[in-house]
Protein backbone atom coordinates (compact mmCIF):
# COMPACT_ATOMS: atom_id res chain seq x y z
CA MET A 1 -0.12 6.32 -26.24
CA LYS A 2 -0.24 9.00 -23.20
CA ILE A 3 -4.14 8.98 -23.91
CA LYS A 4 -3.98 5.05 -23.05
CA CYS A 5 -1.91 5.71 -19.79
CA THR A 6 -3.69 8.33 -18.82
CA GLN A 7 -7.08 6.38 -19.54
CA LEU A 8 -5.80 3.23 -17.67
CA PHE A 9 -4.41 5.18 -14.38
CA PHE A 10 -7.56 7.34 -13.76
CA LEU A 11 -9.61 3.70 -14.86
CA LEU A 12 -7.74 2.10 -11.76
CA VAL A 13 -8.14 4.76 -9.45
CA ALA A 14 -11.87 4.54 -10.17
CA PHE A 15 -12.28 1.13 -10.06
CA GLN A 16 -10.41 1.33 -6.11
CA ILE A 17 -13.18 4.55 -5.66
CA TYR A 18 -16.52 2.40 -7.24
CA ALA A 19 -15.83 -0.33 -5.01
CA GLN A 20 -16.04 1.44 -2.21
CA LYS A 21 -20.26 1.14 -2.64
CA LYS A 22 -20.27 -2.59 -3.79
CA ASP A 23 -21.30 -5.14 -1.07
CA TYR A 24 -19.20 -7.91 -2.02
CA LEU A 25 -16.11 -5.79 -2.51
CA PHE A 26 -13.71 -5.14 0.22
CA LEU A 27 -14.58 -1.67 0.94
CA ASN A 28 -17.53 -2.35 2.40
CA PRO A 29 -17.58 -0.77 5.80
CA LYS A 30 -20.28 -2.71 7.40
CA MET A 31 -18.32 -5.97 7.06
CA ASP A 32 -16.42 -6.80 10.10
CA CYS A 33 -14.97 -10.12 9.44
CA PHE A 34 -12.41 -11.14 6.79
CA SER A 35 -14.39 -13.05 3.71
CA TYR A 36 -13.24 -14.37 1.08
CA LYS A 37 -15.07 -11.61 -1.09
CA GLN A 38 -12.38 -9.55 -0.05
CA THR A 39 -9.77 -11.32 -2.02
CA ILE A 40 -11.12 -10.04 -4.94
CA ILE A 41 -9.58 -7.07 -5.62
CA PRO A 42 -5.99 -7.77 -4.23
CA ALA A 43 -6.15 -11.00 -6.56
CA ALA A 44 -7.26 -8.93 -9.35
CA LEU A 45 -4.32 -6.86 -9.45
CA PHE A 46 -1.67 -8.99 -8.32
CA SER A 47 -2.88 -11.53 -11.44
CA GLY A 48 -3.06 -7.80 -13.99
CA GLY A 49 0.26 -8.05 -12.58
CA LEU A 50 1.69 -11.34 -13.69
CA ILE A 51 -0.17 -11.04 -16.41
CA LEU A 52 1.27 -8.22 -17.78
CA LYS A 53 4.98 -8.64 -16.63
CA ASN A 54 5.55 -10.45 -19.79
CA GLN A 55 4.00 -8.18 -22.58
CA SER A 56 4.98 -5.61 -24.70
CA LEU A 57 2.59 -3.24 -24.22
CA ASN A 58 3.99 -3.43 -20.54
CA VAL A 59 7.22 -1.37 -21.63
CA GLN A 60 4.95 0.21 -24.08
CA LEU A 61 2.95 1.70 -20.97
CA GLU A 62 6.05 2.34 -19.04
CA SER A 63 7.23 5.31 -21.85
CA SER A 64 4.24 6.54 -22.16
CA PHE A 65 3.34 7.08 -18.89
CA GLN A 66 7.16 8.70 -18.40
CA LYS A 67 6.81 10.77 -21.67
CA LEU A 68 3.17 11.70 -20.18
CA PHE A 69 5.21 13.69 -16.49
CA GLY A 70 8.48 14.26 -18.72
CA MET A 71 11.32 11.94 -19.56
CA ASN A 72 13.95 14.32 -17.33
CA PHE A 73 11.05 13.90 -14.28
CA LYS A 74 13.26 12.72 -10.88
CA THR A 75 11.23 12.89 -7.14
CA GLU A 76 12.21 11.23 -3.85
CA VAL A 77 8.67 12.39 -2.71
CA ASP A 78 7.59 8.64 -3.52
CA ASN A 79 10.36 7.17 -0.71
CA TYR A 80 8.46 8.97 2.16
CA LEU A 81 4.40 8.98 0.66
CA GLN A 82 4.47 5.59 0.80
CA TYR A 83 4.49 6.21 4.74
CA GLU A 84 2.07 9.29 4.94
CA THR A 85 -0.73 6.41 6.26
CA VAL A 86 0.87 5.22 8.73
CA LEU A 87 0.78 9.26 9.66
CA GLN A 88 -2.81 9.15 9.36
CA ILE A 89 -3.35 6.18 11.33
CA TYR A 90 -1.98 7.72 14.24
CA GLY A 91 -3.26 11.10 13.19
CA GLY A 92 -6.99 10.06 13.26
CA HIS A 93 -6.86 10.11 16.75
CA LEU A 94 -6.47 13.84 17.23
CA LEU A 95 -8.41 14.26 14.40
CA GLY A 96 -11.11 12.74 16.91
CA PHE A 97 -12.19 9.59 14.90
CA LYS A 98 -12.84 6.33 16.73
CA SER A 99 -10.57 3.67 15.84
CA LYS A 100 -10.79 -0.26 15.66
CA ASN A 101 -7.52 -0.18 17.96
CA ASP A 102 -5.61 1.42 20.68
CA LEU A 103 -2.68 3.12 19.78
CA ALA A 104 -0.72 -0.11 20.94
CA HIS A 105 -2.35 -2.80 18.81
CA GLN A 106 -2.64 -0.15 15.81
CA THR A 107 1.48 -0.18 15.70
CA ILE A 108 1.55 -4.00 16.35
CA ASN A 109 -0.68 -4.34 12.95
CA ILE A 110 1.83 -1.81 11.45
CA LEU A 111 4.95 -4.14 12.58
CA VAL A 112 2.99 -6.92 11.82
CA ALA A 113 1.56 -6.02 8.18
CA ASN A 114 4.41 -4.15 6.59
CA ALA A 115 7.04 -7.70 7.98
CA ILE A 116 4.57 -9.77 6.58
CA MET A 117 4.88 -7.95 3.15
CA GLY A 118 8.94 -6.73 3.37
CA GLY A 119 9.47 -10.55 3.62
CA VAL A 120 7.01 -11.43 0.77
CA VAL A 121 8.43 -9.30 -1.71
CA THR A 122 11.84 -9.20 -0.81
CA THR A 123 11.62 -13.06 -1.29
CA MET A 124 9.62 -12.38 -5.20
CA LYS A 125 12.38 -9.35 -5.65
CA HIS A 126 15.15 -12.18 -5.32
CA PHE A 127 13.54 -14.78 -6.91
CA ILE A 128 12.22 -13.88 -10.01
CA ASN A 129 15.03 -10.73 -10.26
CA GLU A 130 13.63 -8.57 -13.47
CA THR A 131 15.52 -5.40 -14.27
CA ARG A 132 14.34 -2.53 -13.54
CA PRO A 133 12.97 0.26 -16.95
CA ASP A 134 15.85 1.89 -15.45
CA GLY A 135 18.70 -0.98 -15.34
CA THR A 136 19.15 -1.51 -11.78
CA ALA A 137 17.85 -4.81 -9.86
CA TYR A 138 15.00 -6.52 -8.64
CA SER A 139 12.03 -4.82 -10.18
CA PHE A 140 8.78 -6.78 -9.85
CA PRO A 141 6.88 -6.13 -7.47
CA SER A 142 7.12 -2.80 -6.56
CA GLY A 143 8.17 -2.36 -2.71
CA HIS A 144 7.62 0.92 -2.44
CA THR A 145 3.57 0.49 -3.84
CA ALA A 146 3.00 -2.44 -1.82
CA THR A 147 4.09 -0.47 1.74
CA ALA A 148 1.86 2.25 0.62
CA PHE A 149 -1.22 -0.11 -0.12
CA THR A 150 -0.35 -2.17 3.64
CA ASN A 151 -0.79 0.88 5.64
CA ALA A 152 -3.76 1.92 3.62
CA ALA A 153 -5.58 -1.09 3.47
CA LEU A 154 -4.92 -0.70 8.36
CA LEU A 155 -5.80 2.86 7.97
CA PHE A 156 -9.39 1.62 6.34
CA TYR A 157 -9.91 -0.75 8.65
CA GLU A 158 -9.09 1.67 11.47
CA TYR A 159 -11.33 4.39 10.20
CA LYS A 160 -13.38 2.74 7.99
CA ASP A 161 -16.65 3.29 10.85
CA SER A 162 -15.78 6.18 11.96
CA ASN A 163 -15.08 8.29 8.79
CA ILE A 164 -15.42 6.18 5.16
CA TRP A 165 -13.73 9.12 3.86
CA TYR A 166 -10.92 9.46 5.84
CA ALA A 167 -10.56 5.67 5.90
CA SER A 168 -10.87 5.38 1.92
CA SER A 169 -8.14 9.05 1.36
CA GLY A 170 -5.36 6.10 2.31
CA PHE A 171 -5.54 4.32 -1.17
CA LEU A 172 -5.40 8.10 -3.27
CA PHE A 173 -1.58 8.12 -1.69
CA ALA A 174 -1.21 4.77 -1.98
CA SER A 175 -1.83 5.17 -6.48
CA ALA A 176 0.17 8.57 -6.31
CA THR A 177 3.06 6.56 -5.06
CA GLY A 178 2.67 4.00 -7.35
CA ALA A 179 2.00 6.24 -10.07
CA LEU A 180 5.26 8.45 -9.03
CA ARG A 181 7.09 4.69 -8.94
CA ILE A 182 6.38 4.23 -12.81
CA ALA A 183 7.10 8.26 -13.23
CA ASN A 184 10.87 7.89 -12.21
CA ASN A 185 11.66 5.23 -14.64
CA LYS A 186 11.97 3.25 -11.45
CA HIS A 187 9.15 0.45 -12.50
CA TYR A 188 6.78 -0.81 -14.37
CA ILE A 189 2.82 -1.14 -14.40
CA SER A 190 3.08 -4.51 -13.78
CA ASP A 191 5.16 -4.19 -10.77
CA VAL A 192 2.55 -1.20 -9.22
CA LEU A 193 -0.45 -3.81 -9.63
CA ALA A 194 1.40 -6.90 -8.34
CA GLY A 195 2.62 -4.59 -5.04
CA SER A 196 -0.48 -3.09 -5.01
CA GLY A 197 -2.41 -6.42 -4.68
CA ILE A 198 0.24 -8.08 -2.45
CA GLY A 199 -0.04 -5.08 0.12
CA LEU A 200 -3.57 -4.55 -0.49
CA GLY A 201 -4.56 -8.60 0.40
CA ILE A 202 -1.68 -8.22 3.89
CA GLY A 203 -3.08 -5.10 5.08
CA LEU A 204 -6.63 -5.98 5.22
CA ALA A 205 -5.83 -9.88 6.50
CA ILE A 206 -3.51 -8.25 8.81
CA SER A 207 -6.38 -5.94 9.99
CA TYR A 208 -9.13 -8.65 10.60
CA TRP A 209 -7.03 -11.44 12.39
CA SER A 210 -5.53 -8.49 14.21
CA PRO A 211 -2.37 -10.08 15.83
CA PHE A 212 -1.66 -10.04 20.26
CA GLN A 213 -5.36 -8.68 19.93
CA SER A 214 -6.08 -10.17 23.61
CA LEU A 215 -2.76 -9.03 24.73
CA VAL A 216 -2.96 -6.54 27.52
CA LEU A 217 -1.38 -2.91 27.07
CA LYS A 218 -1.03 -0.62 29.85
CA GLN A 219 -0.59 2.57 27.52
CA ASN A 220 0.13 4.72 30.39
CA LYS A 221 3.93 3.19 31.01
CA THR A 222 4.81 2.25 27.45
CA HIS A 223 4.45 4.43 24.57
CA ALA A 224 5.43 2.99 21.07
CA ILE A 225 6.35 5.18 18.05
CA VAL A 226 6.74 4.10 14.27
CA TYR A 227 8.64 6.04 12.10
CA PRO A 228 9.93 5.50 8.41
CA GLN A 229 13.36 4.87 7.71
CA ILE A 230 15.02 6.23 4.70
CA GLY A 231 18.47 6.49 3.70
CA THR A 232 20.00 3.89 2.03
CA ASN A 233 17.43 1.04 2.84
CA TYR A 234 13.94 1.95 2.82
CA GLY A 235 11.26 0.74 5.62
CA ILE A 236 9.84 0.87 9.58
CA GLY A 237 11.30 1.35 12.62
CA LEU A 238 10.44 1.30 16.31
CA VAL A 239 11.35 3.16 19.32
CA ILE A 240 9.38 1.99 22.66
CA ILE A 241 9.56 4.13 25.45
CA SER A 242 8.99 3.11 29.28
CA ASN A 243 8.46 5.58 31.87
């Protein structure tokens, strides 16, 4: 079972990387308008999570994944790793990569996408009310994974035309976040698959829609800083500094 679990994880990662080379999938760097084709992978991930959710295989895979990392494995890294791609979105400017949006509109997209994602995930968690592997409440879908993939999708859109490798790197961090949620005994694989599908879909939709794109902001007078909130609850905070 360890071998099957490992193969499943790397198959998912390989599928995401392979998708970058296919024109009919969402990772086509030349595509600059939202298309139904870009919903293929998000829908497949979410559907896969739904199908696997009530299967005995779901529990078996989660148990095998834990054994792979060690039954006593515990880490807080996933609480921070889910926001890593937010830092990459802003950090791309420092590295000299050309982004689709300026800092102000990137901040708006981050806030809007995460707000929608948070609302969808929270509603589903309370409605479905599935118990986590460790016995606590609200397992399906994984909020950490949804957050990570939402921001990974935003990162991809911002820099896909400037540096495809930098833009795509966020999906590796997002996948690692999902893997650690399973290893920490906080989620089943079905939770992670569904969370990644939700985050990916919302992140891409907001990226191409880009709400308030026509809003003119005076960047020399107003600065917005997005930061992760770590504590009893996890989320994204915003500080606006006006000169």
